[in-house]
Amino acid sequence: MGDRQWQQLGSDNQLTPLAMKLVHLTILGRWVFVGCLWSTCGIYSVWALREEFPLWQDYLTWAVVRLSLGYHMWASLAFTLCVAYTCAVLVWHSHKLVRGWPAKERYRFNQWAEKLTQNRQHWLWIILKRL
């Protein structure tokens, strides 16, 4: 997220520091899930398609790629899942960076942070306190 400042429309729509940590944790959680998908399903799909790579090196056409993925159904499903979820998170994250967080979501994060401050024994409060 770098040096980008969050859009702030007014004093009632601003994120509290704890809510900002929740936002960062939400973004981090999505990207960690993408990494876990690629490290499990992605590795499986590459391993299942390893016999097709020499064919791809010799004749890299759409027909060869389509037939390779067609004959390895589970590998193609795992690869599709990884690519689809990565694209979804990329679009979601870029939308939040370009347009900012809507007021409804900022309100939801502030309410979530308020509930966490009331229950300091919650596991999420312990994690956010360390961030």
Protein backbone atom coordinates (compact mmCIF):
# COMPACT_ATOMS: atom_id res chain seq x y z
CA MET A 1 0.00 0.00 0.00
CA GLY A 2 3.02 2.25 0.25
CA ASP A 3 2.59 5.97 0.67
CA ARG A 4 -1.01 6.09 -0.49
CA GLN A 5 -3.28 8.00 1.84
CA TRP A 6 -6.76 6.68 2.55
CA GLN A 7 -9.63 8.82 1.37
CA GLN A 8 -11.19 10.63 4.27
CA LEU A 9 -14.53 12.28 3.63
CA GLY A 10 -15.23 13.57 7.09
CA SER A 11 -14.51 13.12 10.76
CA ASP A 12 -17.24 10.50 11.20
CA ASN A 13 -15.99 8.47 8.21
CA GLN A 14 -12.34 8.31 9.24
CA LEU A 15 -10.84 5.01 10.24
CA THR A 16 -9.55 4.69 13.76
CA PRO A 17 -6.00 3.36 14.15
CA LEU A 18 -7.30 -0.05 15.21
CA ALA A 19 -9.71 -0.12 12.25
CA MET A 20 -6.79 0.74 9.97
CA LYS A 21 -4.93 -2.26 11.38
CA LEU A 22 -7.99 -4.39 10.64
CA VAL A 23 -7.96 -3.12 7.05
CA HIS A 24 -4.29 -4.03 6.70
CA LEU A 25 -4.93 -7.44 8.25
CA THR A 26 -7.81 -8.05 5.83
CA ILE A 27 -5.64 -7.20 2.84
CA LEU A 28 -2.77 -9.30 4.19
CA GLY A 29 -5.12 -12.21 4.83
CA ARG A 30 -6.36 -12.21 1.25
CA TRP A 31 -2.83 -12.18 -0.16
CA VAL A 32 -1.70 -14.91 2.24
CA PHE A 33 -4.62 -17.03 1.04
CA VAL A 34 -3.52 -16.43 -2.57
CA GLY A 35 0.00 -17.52 -1.63
CA CYS A 36 -1.33 -20.65 0.06
CA LEU A 37 -3.41 -21.47 -3.01
CA TRP A 38 -0.39 -21.16 -5.27
CA SER A 39 1.82 -23.14 -2.92
CA THR A 40 -0.67 -26.04 -2.78
CA CYS A 41 -2.93 -26.15 -5.84
CA GLY A 42 -0.47 -24.32 -8.09
CA ILE A 43 2.38 -26.68 -7.30
CA TYR A 44 0.07 -29.65 -7.82
CA SER A 45 -1.03 -28.38 -11.24
CA VAL A 46 2.55 -27.73 -12.37
CA TRP A 47 3.61 -31.16 -11.12
CA ALA A 48 0.72 -32.88 -12.90
CA LEU A 49 1.54 -31.06 -16.16
CA ARG A 50 5.31 -31.70 -15.99
CA GLU A 51 5.13 -34.32 -18.75
CA GLU A 52 3.55 -31.78 -21.12
CA PHE A 53 6.29 -29.15 -20.80
CA PRO A 54 8.61 -30.66 -23.44
CA LEU A 55 5.67 -30.66 -25.86
CA TRP A 56 4.99 -27.02 -24.99
CA GLN A 57 8.65 -26.18 -25.62
CA ASP A 58 8.53 -27.76 -29.07
CA TYR A 59 5.05 -26.67 -30.19
CA LEU A 60 3.69 -23.83 -28.11
CA THR A 61 0.26 -23.25 -29.63
CA TRP A 62 -3.15 -22.70 -28.08
CA ALA A 63 -4.24 -26.12 -29.32
CA VAL A 64 -1.42 -27.90 -27.45
CA VAL A 65 -2.09 -25.98 -24.25
CA ARG A 66 -5.84 -26.65 -24.55
CA LEU A 67 -5.35 -30.37 -25.13
CA SER A 68 -2.83 -30.64 -22.29
CA LEU A 69 -5.22 -28.97 -19.88
CA GLY A 70 -8.13 -31.01 -21.25
CA TYR A 71 -6.43 -34.31 -20.55
CA HIS A 72 -5.41 -33.28 -17.04
CA MET A 73 -8.75 -32.20 -15.57
CA TRP A 74 -7.70 -31.88 -11.91
CA ALA A 75 -4.55 -29.97 -12.78
CA SER A 76 -6.49 -27.57 -14.98
CA LEU A 77 -9.11 -27.04 -12.26
CA ALA A 78 -6.40 -26.34 -9.68
CA PHE A 79 -4.63 -23.95 -12.04
CA THR A 80 -7.92 -22.21 -12.90
CA LEU A 81 -8.74 -21.81 -9.21
CA CYS A 82 -5.35 -20.23 -8.53
CA VAL A 83 -5.54 -17.84 -11.48
CA ALA A 84 -9.17 -16.89 -10.83
CA TYR A 85 -8.68 -16.12 -7.14
CA THR A 86 -5.48 -14.19 -7.84
CA CYS A 87 -7.27 -12.06 -10.45
CA ALA A 88 -10.20 -11.50 -8.09
CA VAL A 89 -7.91 -10.29 -5.29
CA LEU A 90 -5.96 -8.10 -7.73
CA VAL A 91 -9.16 -6.43 -8.96
CA TRP A 92 -10.51 -6.05 -5.41
CA HIS A 93 -7.24 -4.58 -4.11
CA SER A 94 -6.78 -2.20 -7.04
CA HIS A 95 -10.40 -1.03 -6.68
CA LYS A 96 -9.79 -0.22 -3.01
CA LEU A 97 -6.53 1.59 -3.85
CA VAL A 98 -8.01 3.67 -6.67
CA ARG A 99 -11.43 4.52 -5.28
CA GLY A 100 -10.84 4.13 -1.57
CA TRP A 101 -13.02 2.34 0.95
CA PRO A 102 -16.75 3.11 0.82
CA ALA A 103 -18.31 4.75 3.84
CA LYS A 104 -20.28 1.61 4.66
CA GLU A 105 -17.12 -0.50 4.86
CA ARG A 106 -15.29 2.15 6.89
CA TYR A 107 -18.23 2.16 9.31
CA ARG A 108 -18.11 -1.65 9.49
CA PHE A 109 -14.37 -1.64 10.25
CA ASN A 110 -14.84 1.03 12.93
CA GLN A 111 -17.64 -1.01 14.55
CA TRP A 112 -15.50 -4.13 14.41
CA ALA A 113 -12.63 -2.25 16.08
CA GLU A 114 -15.01 -0.94 18.76
CA LYS A 115 -16.15 -4.49 19.55
CA LEU A 116 -12.54 -5.62 19.80
CA THR A 117 -11.65 -2.84 22.24
CA GLN A 118 -14.49 -3.99 24.47
CA ASN A 119 -13.24 -7.59 24.44
CA ARG A 120 -9.49 -7.44 24.96
CA GLN A 121 -9.25 -11.22 25.43
CA HIS A 122 -10.20 -11.86 21.79
CA TRP A 123 -7.47 -13.55 19.73
CA LEU A 124 -7.69 -10.86 17.06
CA TRP A 125 -7.08 -8.11 19.62
CA ILE A 126 -3.86 -9.86 20.68
CA ILE A 127 -2.68 -10.04 17.07
CA LEU A 128 -3.60 -6.42 16.32
CA LYS A 129 -1.87 -5.20 19.46
CA ARG A 130 1.41 -6.68 18.15
CA LEU A 131 1.12 -5.05 14.70
